[in-house]
N, C-alpha and C. Protein backbone atom coordinates (compact mmCIF):
# COMPACT_ATOMS: atom_id res chain seq x y z
N MET A 1 7.31 -12.83 -10.09
CA MET A 1 7.97 -14.04 -9.98
C MET A 1 8.53 -14.37 -8.65
N PHE A 2 9.20 -13.47 -8.13
CA PHE A 2 9.94 -13.56 -6.77
C PHE A 2 8.79 -13.81 -5.89
N TYR A 3 7.62 -13.13 -6.00
CA TYR A 3 6.48 -13.14 -4.96
C TYR A 3 6.12 -14.68 -4.98
N LEU A 4 5.77 -15.15 -6.27
CA LEU A 4 5.27 -16.70 -6.27
C LEU A 4 6.59 -17.62 -5.70
N TRP A 5 7.74 -17.34 -5.86
CA TRP A 5 8.67 -18.08 -5.42
C TRP A 5 8.70 -18.04 -3.83
N GLN A 6 8.42 -16.95 -3.27
CA GLN A 6 8.57 -16.60 -1.76
C GLN A 6 7.42 -17.43 -1.26
N LYS A 7 6.11 -17.25 -1.79
CA LYS A 7 4.84 -17.99 -1.37
C LYS A 7 5.16 -19.44 -1.59
N GLU A 8 5.85 -19.98 -2.43
CA GLU A 8 6.06 -21.55 -2.66
C GLU A 8 7.06 -22.04 -1.56
N LYS A 9 7.90 -21.22 -1.00
CA LYS A 9 8.80 -21.44 -0.11
C LYS A 9 8.08 -21.45 1.39
N MET A 10 7.13 -20.29 1.65
CA MET A 10 6.51 -20.46 2.77
C MET A 10 5.60 -21.65 2.88
N LYS A 11 4.93 -22.15 1.84
CA LYS A 11 4.15 -23.35 1.70
C LYS A 11 5.05 -24.59 2.14
N GLN A 12 5.96 -24.54 1.55
CA GLN A 12 7.13 -25.60 1.85
C GLN A 12 7.52 -25.72 3.47
N LYS A 13 7.74 -24.52 3.85
CA LYS A 13 8.18 -24.57 5.33
C LYS A 13 6.99 -25.03 6.21
N SER A 14 5.87 -24.37 5.95
CA SER A 14 4.84 -24.80 6.54
C SER A 14 4.21 -26.04 6.46
N SER A 15 4.68 -26.88 5.34
CA SER A 15 4.26 -28.40 5.16
C SER A 15 5.36 -29.08 5.80
N VAL A 16 6.56 -28.56 6.01
CA VAL A 16 7.83 -29.34 6.68
C VAL A 16 7.33 -29.30 8.26
N LYS A 17 7.05 -27.86 8.66
CA LYS A 17 6.70 -27.90 10.10
C LYS A 17 5.46 -28.91 10.42
N GLU A 18 4.43 -28.89 9.68
CA GLU A 18 3.38 -29.62 9.86
C GLU A 18 3.69 -31.34 9.83
N ARG A 19 4.54 -31.59 8.95
CA ARG A 19 5.04 -32.96 8.71
C ARG A 19 5.77 -33.40 10.13
N ILE A 20 6.57 -32.50 10.34
CA ILE A 20 7.21 -32.90 11.72
C ILE A 20 6.16 -33.01 12.93
N LEU A 21 5.37 -32.23 13.02
CA LEU A 21 4.36 -32.35 14.24
C LEU A 21 3.49 -33.33 13.86
N ASP A 22 3.09 -33.77 12.83
CA ASP A 22 2.22 -34.85 12.73
C ASP A 22 2.95 -36.38 12.86
N THR A 23 4.13 -36.32 12.30
CA THR A 23 4.80 -37.39 12.63
C THR A 23 5.24 -37.58 14.25
N ALA A 24 5.63 -36.74 14.93
CA ALA A 24 5.71 -36.60 16.21
C ALA A 24 4.58 -36.92 16.98
N SER A 25 3.43 -36.36 16.51
CA SER A 25 2.26 -36.64 17.35
C SER A 25 1.75 -38.24 17.26
N ARG A 26 1.83 -38.67 16.10
CA ARG A 26 1.51 -40.09 15.77
C ARG A 26 2.48 -41.09 16.70
N LEU A 27 3.61 -40.84 16.68
CA LEU A 27 4.63 -41.65 17.37
C LEU A 27 4.46 -41.49 18.85
N PHE A 28 4.36 -40.00 19.48
CA PHE A 28 4.16 -39.84 20.83
C PHE A 28 3.04 -40.58 21.27
N TYR A 29 1.86 -40.72 20.69
CA TYR A 29 0.70 -41.13 21.07
C TYR A 29 0.73 -42.69 20.88
N HIS A 30 1.31 -43.32 19.95
CA HIS A 30 1.13 -44.71 19.85
C HIS A 30 2.27 -45.42 20.33
N GLN A 31 3.35 -44.84 20.46
CA GLN A 31 4.63 -45.81 21.01
C GLN A 31 5.24 -45.09 22.33
N GLY A 32 4.86 -43.89 22.72
CA GLY A 32 5.36 -43.10 23.64
C GLY A 32 6.17 -42.17 23.38
N PHE A 33 6.33 -40.88 24.28
CA PHE A 33 7.20 -39.85 24.29
C PHE A 33 8.66 -40.41 24.36
N ASN A 34 8.90 -41.17 25.51
CA ASN A 34 10.47 -41.92 25.92
C ASN A 34 10.81 -42.74 24.67
N SER A 35 10.01 -43.60 24.19
CA SER A 35 10.29 -44.52 23.37
C SER A 35 10.50 -43.87 21.74
N THR A 36 10.05 -42.57 21.69
CA THR A 36 10.32 -41.87 20.33
C THR A 36 11.84 -41.14 20.34
N GLY A 37 12.55 -41.23 19.54
CA GLY A 37 13.69 -40.72 19.36
C GLY A 37 13.89 -39.59 18.20
N ILE A 38 14.49 -38.69 18.30
CA ILE A 38 14.50 -37.61 17.42
C ILE A 38 15.00 -38.01 16.03
N ASN A 39 15.70 -39.03 16.06
CA ASN A 39 16.15 -39.73 14.78
C ASN A 39 14.90 -40.41 14.18
N GLN A 40 14.09 -41.11 14.78
CA GLN A 40 13.08 -41.70 14.25
C GLN A 40 12.01 -40.61 13.52
N ILE A 41 11.97 -39.56 14.31
CA ILE A 41 11.04 -38.55 13.70
C ILE A 41 11.54 -37.94 12.41
N ILE A 42 12.80 -37.59 12.54
CA ILE A 42 13.53 -37.14 11.21
C ILE A 42 13.31 -38.21 10.20
N ALA A 43 13.67 -39.47 10.21
CA ALA A 43 13.45 -40.33 9.19
C ALA A 43 12.00 -40.50 8.69
N GLU A 44 11.37 -40.63 9.74
CA GLU A 44 9.63 -40.78 9.20
C GLU A 44 9.01 -39.56 8.67
N ALA A 45 9.52 -38.46 9.27
CA ALA A 45 9.07 -37.06 8.31
C ALA A 45 9.82 -36.76 7.24
N ASP A 46 10.76 -37.53 6.97
CA ASP A 46 11.52 -37.42 5.78
C ASP A 46 12.08 -36.00 5.69
N ILE A 47 12.80 -35.53 6.62
CA ILE A 47 13.30 -34.13 6.69
C ILE A 47 14.83 -34.37 7.34
N ALA A 48 15.55 -33.26 6.91
CA ALA A 48 16.82 -32.95 7.53
C ALA A 48 16.75 -32.70 9.02
N ILE A 49 17.72 -33.07 9.76
CA ILE A 49 17.88 -32.75 11.24
C ILE A 49 17.80 -31.26 11.43
N GLY A 50 18.43 -30.36 10.69
CA GLY A 50 18.40 -28.90 10.86
C GLY A 50 16.82 -28.29 10.72
N SER A 51 16.07 -29.00 9.84
CA SER A 51 14.71 -28.60 9.57
C SER A 51 14.02 -28.79 10.86
N LEU A 52 14.28 -29.92 11.81
CA LEU A 52 13.60 -30.04 12.73
C LEU A 52 13.79 -29.04 13.95
N TYR A 53 15.04 -28.78 14.02
CA TYR A 53 15.65 -27.65 15.17
C TYR A 53 15.25 -26.36 14.45
N LYS A 54 15.04 -26.03 13.33
CA LYS A 54 14.61 -24.74 12.78
C LYS A 54 13.26 -24.50 13.38
N HIS A 55 12.31 -25.50 13.44
CA HIS A 55 11.07 -25.30 13.74
C HIS A 55 10.62 -25.61 15.31
N TYR A 56 11.43 -26.43 15.95
CA TYR A 56 11.30 -26.85 17.38
C TYR A 56 12.49 -26.90 18.05
N GLU A 57 12.52 -26.06 19.06
CA GLU A 57 13.89 -26.03 20.01
C GLU A 57 14.46 -27.44 20.45
N SER A 58 13.79 -28.17 20.70
CA SER A 58 13.98 -29.72 21.32
C SER A 58 12.71 -30.46 21.23
N LYS A 59 13.21 -31.83 21.62
CA LYS A 59 11.92 -32.78 21.72
C LYS A 59 11.00 -32.44 22.63
N SER A 60 11.26 -31.65 23.81
CA SER A 60 10.24 -31.32 24.78
C SER A 60 9.54 -30.09 24.25
N ASP A 61 10.03 -29.25 23.38
CA ASP A 61 9.17 -28.21 22.71
C ASP A 61 8.42 -28.84 21.72
N LEU A 62 8.75 -29.88 21.08
CA LEU A 62 7.78 -30.43 20.11
C LEU A 62 6.69 -31.32 20.73
N LEU A 63 7.00 -31.77 21.97
CA LEU A 63 5.77 -32.35 22.87
C LEU A 63 4.83 -31.33 23.20
N TYR A 64 5.22 -30.21 23.60
CA TYR A 64 4.43 -28.91 24.21
C TYR A 64 3.45 -28.84 22.99
N HIS A 65 4.13 -28.58 21.90
CA HIS A 65 3.24 -28.23 20.41
C HIS A 65 2.25 -29.61 20.25
N TYR A 66 2.68 -30.48 20.23
CA TYR A 66 1.86 -31.77 20.18
C TYR A 66 0.55 -31.48 21.03
N LEU A 67 0.72 -31.30 22.31
CA LEU A 67 -0.25 -31.15 23.46
C LEU A 67 -1.14 -30.13 23.04
N GLU A 68 -0.59 -29.07 22.64
CA GLU A 68 -1.36 -27.86 22.46
C GLU A 68 -2.27 -28.10 21.14
N GLN A 69 -1.75 -28.70 20.13
CA GLN A 69 -2.62 -29.18 19.01
C GLN A 69 -3.71 -30.09 19.55
N GLN A 70 -3.39 -31.07 20.37
CA GLN A 70 -4.24 -31.81 20.57
C GLN A 70 -5.35 -31.22 21.44
N GLU A 71 -5.12 -30.40 22.32
CA GLU A 71 -6.20 -29.64 23.12
C GLU A 71 -7.17 -28.83 22.00
N THR A 72 -6.54 -28.24 21.16
CA THR A 72 -7.15 -27.32 20.25
C THR A 72 -8.21 -28.17 19.51
N GLU A 73 -7.71 -29.44 18.89
CA GLU A 73 -8.42 -30.32 18.25
C GLU A 73 -9.60 -30.97 19.06
N TYR A 74 -9.33 -31.04 20.49
CA TYR A 74 -10.27 -31.75 21.25
C TYR A 74 -11.43 -31.03 21.37
N PHE A 75 -11.20 -29.71 21.69
CA PHE A 75 -12.30 -28.80 22.00
C PHE A 75 -12.96 -28.44 20.62
N ALA A 76 -12.41 -28.17 19.65
CA ALA A 76 -12.96 -27.57 18.40
C ALA A 76 -13.90 -28.95 18.00
N ASN A 77 -13.40 -30.06 17.88
CA ASN A 77 -14.22 -31.23 17.63
C ASN A 77 -15.25 -31.44 18.50
N LEU A 78 -14.98 -31.27 19.88
CA LEU A 78 -16.25 -31.43 20.91
C LEU A 78 -17.30 -30.42 20.53
N ASN A 79 -17.00 -29.09 20.39
CA ASN A 79 -17.69 -28.08 20.07
C ASN A 79 -18.74 -28.19 18.91
N ASP A 80 -17.97 -28.93 17.81
CA ASP A 80 -18.73 -29.42 16.77
C ASP A 80 -19.65 -30.47 16.80
N TYR A 81 -19.19 -31.50 17.73
CA TYR A 81 -19.94 -32.59 17.93
C TYR A 81 -21.27 -32.29 18.80
N LEU A 82 -21.21 -31.20 19.25
CA LEU A 82 -22.44 -30.96 20.31
C LEU A 82 -23.16 -29.82 19.90
N LYS A 83 -22.76 -29.12 18.83
CA LYS A 83 -23.40 -28.04 18.39
C LYS A 83 -24.88 -28.21 18.01
N ASP A 84 -25.44 -29.08 17.65
CA ASP A 84 -26.89 -29.20 17.40
C ASP A 84 -27.80 -29.70 18.69
N GLU A 85 -27.00 -29.87 19.84
CA GLU A 85 -27.74 -30.34 21.13
C GLU A 85 -28.05 -29.20 21.73
N LYS A 86 -29.43 -29.00 22.09
CA LYS A 86 -29.49 -27.95 22.91
C LYS A 86 -29.84 -27.98 24.51
N PRO A 87 -30.60 -29.14 24.90
CA PRO A 87 -30.63 -29.32 26.27
C PRO A 87 -29.39 -29.74 26.99
N SER A 88 -28.95 -29.19 28.21
CA SER A 88 -27.60 -29.32 28.45
C SER A 88 -27.55 -30.98 28.85
N LEU A 89 -28.60 -31.55 29.47
CA LEU A 89 -28.44 -32.91 29.95
C LEU A 89 -27.82 -33.66 28.46
N LYS A 90 -28.66 -33.55 27.53
CA LYS A 90 -28.35 -34.34 26.27
C LYS A 90 -26.91 -33.90 25.81
N LYS A 91 -26.47 -32.68 25.98
CA LYS A 91 -25.01 -32.48 25.58
C LYS A 91 -24.05 -33.31 26.51
N LEU A 92 -24.37 -33.28 27.72
CA LEU A 92 -23.58 -34.00 28.54
C LEU A 92 -23.40 -35.35 28.33
N LEU A 93 -24.65 -36.10 28.10
CA LEU A 93 -24.71 -37.42 27.56
C LEU A 93 -23.76 -37.58 26.22
N LYS A 94 -23.93 -36.48 25.36
CA LYS A 94 -23.51 -36.71 24.03
C LYS A 94 -21.89 -36.35 24.19
N LEU A 95 -21.42 -35.52 25.19
CA LEU A 95 -20.04 -35.51 25.67
C LEU A 95 -19.45 -37.06 25.83
N ILE A 96 -20.16 -37.87 26.39
CA ILE A 96 -19.75 -39.15 26.78
C ILE A 96 -19.62 -39.92 25.38
N ASP A 97 -20.52 -39.68 24.50
CA ASP A 97 -20.33 -40.14 23.21
C ASP A 97 -19.36 -39.75 22.51
N TYR A 98 -19.06 -38.49 22.81
CA TYR A 98 -17.68 -38.07 21.96
C TYR A 98 -16.36 -38.64 22.64
N ARG A 99 -16.34 -38.87 23.76
CA ARG A 99 -15.17 -39.76 24.43
C ARG A 99 -15.20 -41.13 24.05
N ILE A 100 -16.40 -41.71 23.78
CA ILE A 100 -16.38 -43.14 23.16
C ILE A 100 -15.93 -43.09 21.86
N LYS A 101 -16.50 -42.23 20.96
CA LYS A 101 -15.96 -41.97 19.73
C LYS A 101 -14.37 -42.16 19.52
N LEU A 102 -13.87 -41.18 20.30
CA LEU A 102 -12.36 -40.99 20.55
C LEU A 102 -11.73 -42.18 20.63
N GLN A 103 -12.13 -42.76 21.74
CA GLN A 103 -11.63 -44.07 22.05
C GLN A 103 -11.61 -45.36 21.08
N GLU A 104 -12.82 -45.30 20.23
CA GLU A 104 -13.06 -46.17 19.23
C GLU A 104 -12.11 -45.99 18.04
N GLU A 105 -12.12 -44.68 17.76
CA GLU A 105 -11.43 -44.23 16.54
C GLU A 105 -9.77 -44.35 16.84
N SER A 106 -9.35 -44.29 17.98
CA SER A 106 -8.10 -44.44 18.27
C SER A 106 -7.72 -46.08 18.78
N ASN A 107 -8.46 -46.85 18.36
CA ASN A 107 -8.45 -48.34 18.97
C ASN A 107 -8.11 -48.50 20.21
N PHE A 108 -8.79 -47.61 21.08
CA PHE A 108 -8.59 -47.78 22.53
C PHE A 108 -7.16 -47.35 23.21
N SER A 109 -6.60 -46.40 22.39
CA SER A 109 -5.25 -46.06 22.83
C SER A 109 -5.24 -44.99 23.95
N GLY A 110 -6.23 -44.58 24.51
CA GLY A 110 -6.22 -43.88 25.57
C GLY A 110 -6.30 -42.43 25.41
N CYS A 111 -6.16 -41.45 26.42
CA CYS A 111 -6.16 -40.11 26.30
C CYS A 111 -4.72 -39.53 26.16
N HIS A 112 -4.39 -38.71 25.27
CA HIS A 112 -3.14 -38.00 25.09
C HIS A 112 -2.52 -37.56 26.27
N PHE A 113 -3.41 -36.88 27.12
CA PHE A 113 -2.68 -36.20 28.26
C PHE A 113 -2.52 -37.16 29.23
N ILE A 114 -3.35 -38.18 29.61
CA ILE A 114 -3.26 -38.94 30.61
C ILE A 114 -1.90 -39.77 30.45
N LYS A 115 -1.72 -40.15 29.09
CA LYS A 115 -0.59 -40.96 28.75
C LYS A 115 0.65 -40.15 28.99
N ILE A 116 0.63 -38.97 28.45
CA ILE A 116 2.00 -38.16 28.58
C ILE A 116 2.09 -37.96 30.14
N ASN A 117 1.14 -37.63 30.91
CA ASN A 117 1.33 -37.39 32.37
C ASN A 117 1.92 -38.81 32.95
N ALA A 118 1.34 -39.85 32.54
CA ALA A 118 1.92 -41.05 33.19
C ALA A 118 3.45 -41.34 32.79
N GLU A 119 3.80 -40.96 31.60
CA GLU A 119 4.94 -41.24 31.28
C GLU A 119 6.18 -39.97 31.66
N ILE A 120 5.79 -38.67 31.75
CA ILE A 120 6.66 -37.68 32.11
C ILE A 120 6.61 -37.48 33.49
N GLY A 121 5.33 -37.57 34.13
CA GLY A 121 4.99 -37.32 35.27
C GLY A 121 5.51 -35.86 35.75
N ARG A 122 6.35 -35.60 36.63
CA ARG A 122 6.60 -34.20 37.14
C ARG A 122 8.07 -33.92 36.65
N GLU A 123 8.55 -34.56 35.72
CA GLU A 123 9.96 -34.19 35.31
C GLU A 123 9.95 -33.04 34.46
N ASP A 124 9.03 -32.63 33.67
CA ASP A 124 9.03 -31.21 32.91
C ASP A 124 7.74 -30.52 33.41
N LYS A 125 8.09 -29.41 34.12
CA LYS A 125 6.96 -28.46 34.72
C LYS A 125 6.20 -28.11 33.76
N LYS A 126 6.62 -27.50 32.65
CA LYS A 126 5.77 -26.93 31.38
C LYS A 126 4.73 -27.91 30.86
N ILE A 127 5.08 -29.01 30.88
CA ILE A 127 4.30 -30.19 30.25
C ILE A 127 3.41 -30.52 31.41
N GLU A 128 3.75 -30.85 32.79
CA GLU A 128 2.90 -31.06 33.72
C GLU A 128 1.67 -29.95 34.04
N GLN A 129 2.19 -28.65 33.98
CA GLN A 129 1.23 -27.72 34.08
C GLN A 129 0.23 -27.47 32.88
N PHE A 130 0.79 -27.84 31.75
CA PHE A 130 0.04 -27.76 30.66
C PHE A 130 -1.36 -28.99 30.61
N VAL A 131 -0.81 -30.23 30.99
CA VAL A 131 -1.64 -31.23 31.22
C VAL A 131 -2.71 -30.93 32.28
N GLN A 132 -2.27 -30.37 33.45
CA GLN A 132 -3.19 -29.99 34.52
C GLN A 132 -4.09 -29.05 34.08
N ALA A 133 -3.72 -28.15 33.25
CA ALA A 133 -4.67 -27.13 32.92
C ALA A 133 -5.78 -27.49 31.77
N HIS A 134 -5.38 -28.58 30.93
CA HIS A 134 -6.34 -29.06 30.10
C HIS A 134 -7.26 -29.95 30.88
N LYS A 135 -6.70 -30.60 31.76
CA LYS A 135 -7.98 -31.42 32.49
C LYS A 135 -8.89 -30.48 33.51
N GLU A 136 -8.40 -29.45 33.68
CA GLU A 136 -9.05 -28.33 34.50
C GLU A 136 -10.17 -27.71 33.57
N ARG A 137 -9.60 -27.54 32.31
CA ARG A 137 -10.64 -27.10 31.13
C ARG A 137 -11.79 -28.24 30.81
N GLN A 138 -11.31 -29.48 30.89
CA GLN A 138 -12.28 -30.33 30.80
C GLN A 138 -13.35 -30.24 32.09
N ARG A 139 -12.81 -30.26 33.10
CA ARG A 139 -13.65 -30.11 34.24
C ARG A 139 -14.54 -29.14 34.09
N GLU A 140 -14.17 -27.91 33.85
CA GLU A 140 -14.97 -26.81 33.76
C GLU A 140 -15.93 -26.83 32.76
N TYR A 141 -16.02 -27.50 31.74
CA TYR A 141 -16.69 -27.78 30.55
C TYR A 141 -17.82 -28.29 31.32
N ILE A 142 -17.67 -29.64 31.86
CA ILE A 142 -18.63 -30.39 32.41
C ILE A 142 -19.30 -29.68 33.54
N ASN A 143 -18.60 -28.78 34.52
CA ASN A 143 -19.20 -28.09 35.51
C ASN A 143 -20.28 -26.93 34.97
N GLY A 144 -20.01 -26.57 33.74
CA GLY A 144 -20.94 -25.73 32.92
C GLY A 144 -21.98 -26.14 32.75
N LEU A 145 -22.10 -27.55 32.09
CA LEU A 145 -23.28 -28.23 31.65
C LEU A 145 -24.08 -28.62 33.04
N VAL A 146 -23.43 -28.99 33.92
CA VAL A 146 -24.26 -29.32 35.18
C VAL A 146 -24.93 -28.07 35.87
N ASP A 147 -24.28 -26.87 35.81
CA ASP A 147 -24.78 -25.65 36.30
C ASP A 147 -26.10 -25.49 35.48
N GLU A 148 -25.83 -25.47 34.20
CA GLU A 148 -27.19 -25.32 33.22
C GLU A 148 -28.31 -26.57 33.44
N ILE A 149 -27.83 -27.59 33.71
CA ILE A 149 -28.94 -28.58 34.14
C ILE A 149 -29.73 -28.42 35.20
N SER A 150 -28.87 -27.73 36.31
CA SER A 150 -29.37 -27.43 37.63
C SER A 150 -30.44 -26.17 37.89
N THR A 151 -30.52 -25.59 36.69
CA THR A 151 -31.56 -24.40 36.38
C THR A 151 -32.86 -25.00 36.17
N VAL A 152 -33.03 -26.27 35.48
CA VAL A 152 -34.16 -26.84 35.11
C VAL A 152 -34.56 -27.94 35.76
N LYS A 153 -33.43 -28.68 36.31
CA LYS A 153 -33.87 -29.91 36.93
C LYS A 153 -33.34 -30.05 38.56
N THR A 154 -34.16 -30.71 39.33
CA THR A 154 -33.70 -30.67 40.68
C THR A 154 -32.43 -31.98 40.98
N LEU A 155 -31.21 -31.42 41.45
CA LEU A 155 -30.29 -32.38 41.68
C LEU A 155 -30.49 -33.19 42.86
N LEU A 156 -30.03 -34.45 42.81
CA LEU A 156 -30.40 -35.52 43.80
C LEU A 156 -29.15 -35.38 44.75
N ILE A 157 -27.97 -34.88 44.31
CA ILE A 157 -26.91 -34.59 45.39
C ILE A 157 -26.50 -33.04 45.09
N GLU A 158 -25.56 -32.86 46.03
CA GLU A 158 -24.94 -31.52 46.04
C GLU A 158 -24.14 -31.20 44.81
N LYS A 159 -24.37 -30.06 44.36
CA LYS A 159 -23.99 -29.90 42.72
C LYS A 159 -22.49 -29.87 42.70
N LYS A 160 -21.72 -29.51 43.60
CA LYS A 160 -20.18 -29.71 43.36
C LYS A 160 -19.85 -31.03 43.44
N ALA A 161 -20.50 -31.91 44.44
CA ALA A 161 -20.17 -33.30 44.35
C ALA A 161 -20.61 -34.05 43.01
N LEU A 162 -21.64 -33.39 42.69
CA LEU A 162 -22.21 -34.32 41.20
C LEU A 162 -21.17 -33.80 40.18
N GLN A 163 -20.62 -32.55 40.03
CA GLN A 163 -19.74 -32.14 39.20
C GLN A 163 -18.36 -32.92 39.20
N ASN A 164 -17.89 -33.09 40.27
CA ASN A 164 -16.51 -33.86 40.51
C ASN A 164 -17.05 -35.33 40.12
N SER A 165 -18.06 -35.93 40.72
CA SER A 165 -18.35 -37.38 40.28
C SER A 165 -18.19 -37.62 38.93
N ILE A 166 -18.89 -36.60 38.08
CA ILE A 166 -19.09 -36.91 36.63
C ILE A 166 -17.60 -36.76 35.96
N PHE A 167 -16.93 -35.81 36.36
CA PHE A 167 -15.60 -35.63 35.69
C PHE A 167 -14.63 -36.78 36.19
N LEU A 168 -14.67 -37.31 37.44
CA LEU A 168 -13.97 -38.52 37.82
C LEU A 168 -14.37 -39.75 36.95
N MET A 169 -15.68 -39.85 37.22
CA MET A 169 -16.17 -41.09 36.31
C MET A 169 -15.86 -41.13 34.71
N ILE A 170 -15.75 -40.00 34.16
CA ILE A 170 -15.54 -40.02 32.90
C ILE A 170 -13.95 -40.40 32.52
N GLU A 171 -13.18 -39.75 33.36
CA GLU A 171 -11.82 -39.83 33.38
C GLU A 171 -11.35 -41.30 33.70
N GLY A 172 -11.90 -41.86 34.60
CA GLY A 172 -11.74 -43.35 35.12
C GLY A 172 -12.03 -44.10 33.72
N ALA A 173 -13.17 -44.04 33.43
CA ALA A 173 -13.59 -44.78 32.25
C ALA A 173 -12.87 -44.74 31.05
N VAL A 174 -12.28 -43.55 30.66
CA VAL A 174 -11.32 -43.44 29.70
C VAL A 174 -10.11 -44.23 29.85
N VAL A 175 -9.61 -44.23 31.00
CA VAL A 175 -8.36 -44.93 31.55
C VAL A 175 -8.83 -46.46 31.23
N SER A 176 -9.90 -47.03 31.78
CA SER A 176 -10.31 -48.18 31.88
C SER A 176 -10.48 -48.85 30.11
N ALA A 177 -11.07 -47.98 29.39
CA ALA A 177 -11.05 -48.12 28.01
C ALA A 177 -9.74 -48.50 27.32
N GLY A 178 -8.74 -47.72 27.75
CA GLY A 178 -7.21 -48.10 27.40
C GLY A 178 -6.83 -49.36 27.81
N ILE A 179 -7.33 -49.89 28.87
CA ILE A 179 -6.81 -51.16 29.49
C ILE A 179 -7.57 -52.20 29.02
N SER A 180 -8.88 -52.10 29.00
CA SER A 180 -9.73 -53.41 28.52
C SER A 180 -9.99 -53.40 27.03
N GLY A 181 -9.83 -52.18 26.32
CA GLY A 181 -9.87 -52.23 24.96
C GLY A 181 -11.23 -52.30 24.42
N ASN A 182 -12.13 -51.54 25.14
CA ASN A 182 -13.60 -51.41 25.12
C ASN A 182 -14.22 -50.38 25.74
N THR A 183 -15.39 -49.88 25.37
CA THR A 183 -16.07 -48.69 25.87
C THR A 183 -17.35 -48.82 26.80
N ASN A 184 -17.24 -50.21 27.44
CA ASN A 184 -18.18 -50.65 28.32
C ASN A 184 -18.44 -49.73 29.39
N ASP A 185 -17.35 -49.31 30.17
CA ASP A 185 -17.35 -48.34 31.36
C ASP A 185 -17.97 -46.95 31.16
N LEU A 186 -17.37 -46.57 29.81
CA LEU A 186 -17.82 -45.07 29.40
C LEU A 186 -19.42 -45.28 29.24
N LYS A 187 -19.97 -46.52 28.65
CA LYS A 187 -21.46 -46.55 28.48
C LYS A 187 -22.20 -46.69 29.93
N THR A 188 -21.33 -47.33 30.82
CA THR A 188 -22.09 -47.40 32.19
C THR A 188 -22.06 -46.20 32.70
N VAL A 189 -21.11 -45.14 32.74
CA VAL A 189 -21.21 -43.74 33.07
C VAL A 189 -22.51 -43.01 32.58
N LYS A 190 -22.51 -43.08 31.35
CA LYS A 190 -23.69 -42.51 30.64
C LYS A 190 -24.98 -43.06 31.32
N LYS A 191 -24.98 -44.18 31.65
CA LYS A 191 -26.46 -44.95 32.32
C LYS A 191 -26.31 -44.17 33.63
N SER A 192 -25.26 -43.90 34.32
CA SER A 192 -25.32 -43.52 35.79
C SER A 192 -25.78 -41.93 35.82
N ILE A 193 -25.15 -41.42 34.77
CA ILE A 193 -25.59 -39.75 34.88
C ILE A 193 -27.04 -39.64 34.67
N ASN A 194 -27.53 -40.58 33.88
CA ASN A 194 -29.07 -40.58 33.60
C ASN A 194 -29.93 -40.41 34.88
N GLN A 195 -29.18 -41.29 35.79
CA GLN A 195 -30.00 -41.80 37.07
C GLN A 195 -29.71 -40.52 38.09
N PHE A 196 -28.62 -39.80 37.85
CA PHE A 196 -28.54 -38.47 38.72
C PHE A 196 -29.48 -37.40 38.74
N PHE A 197 -30.41 -37.25 37.54
CA PHE A 197 -31.23 -36.14 37.25
C PHE A 197 -32.51 -36.90 37.18
């Protein structure tokens, strides 16, 4: 009996922690980190203030966990989205389809990491380093695909320049999607990449 009670308590703790993070994630993404107060998170997650601080040391700690969760989801979902594609060029083009899908599903709300970087800037070193590391990981993913493509296709420009160009075009097009409310520039990037190979 005690074991079942303990198991139920652990489940409740887990769900409270997840509820806090889910609520904070939604609010940070759609209304901004600075515009989201602790009291709003507590009210919308329907928890006591003690529960929040039991699981997260501060609002900044909650932000860090939010970004950590977004990174995990981004790459897990990307890998799942690309799993059936074998040729690397098709994977690269489908990576852009993935970014298009993310923008359409979020009603063109932009990239979680770009938004936080624009809002927090260099105020929080830990957050700044996490955002930079995430973008570097995205860059490395693209670089890996271009490396694979270069083993079977002749590149029309120097490989490093091509890798940088593709990364920057995609990132710029994601920002543009948030401003324009459409994915036209991401679709243009896709057409441009086809012309590079």
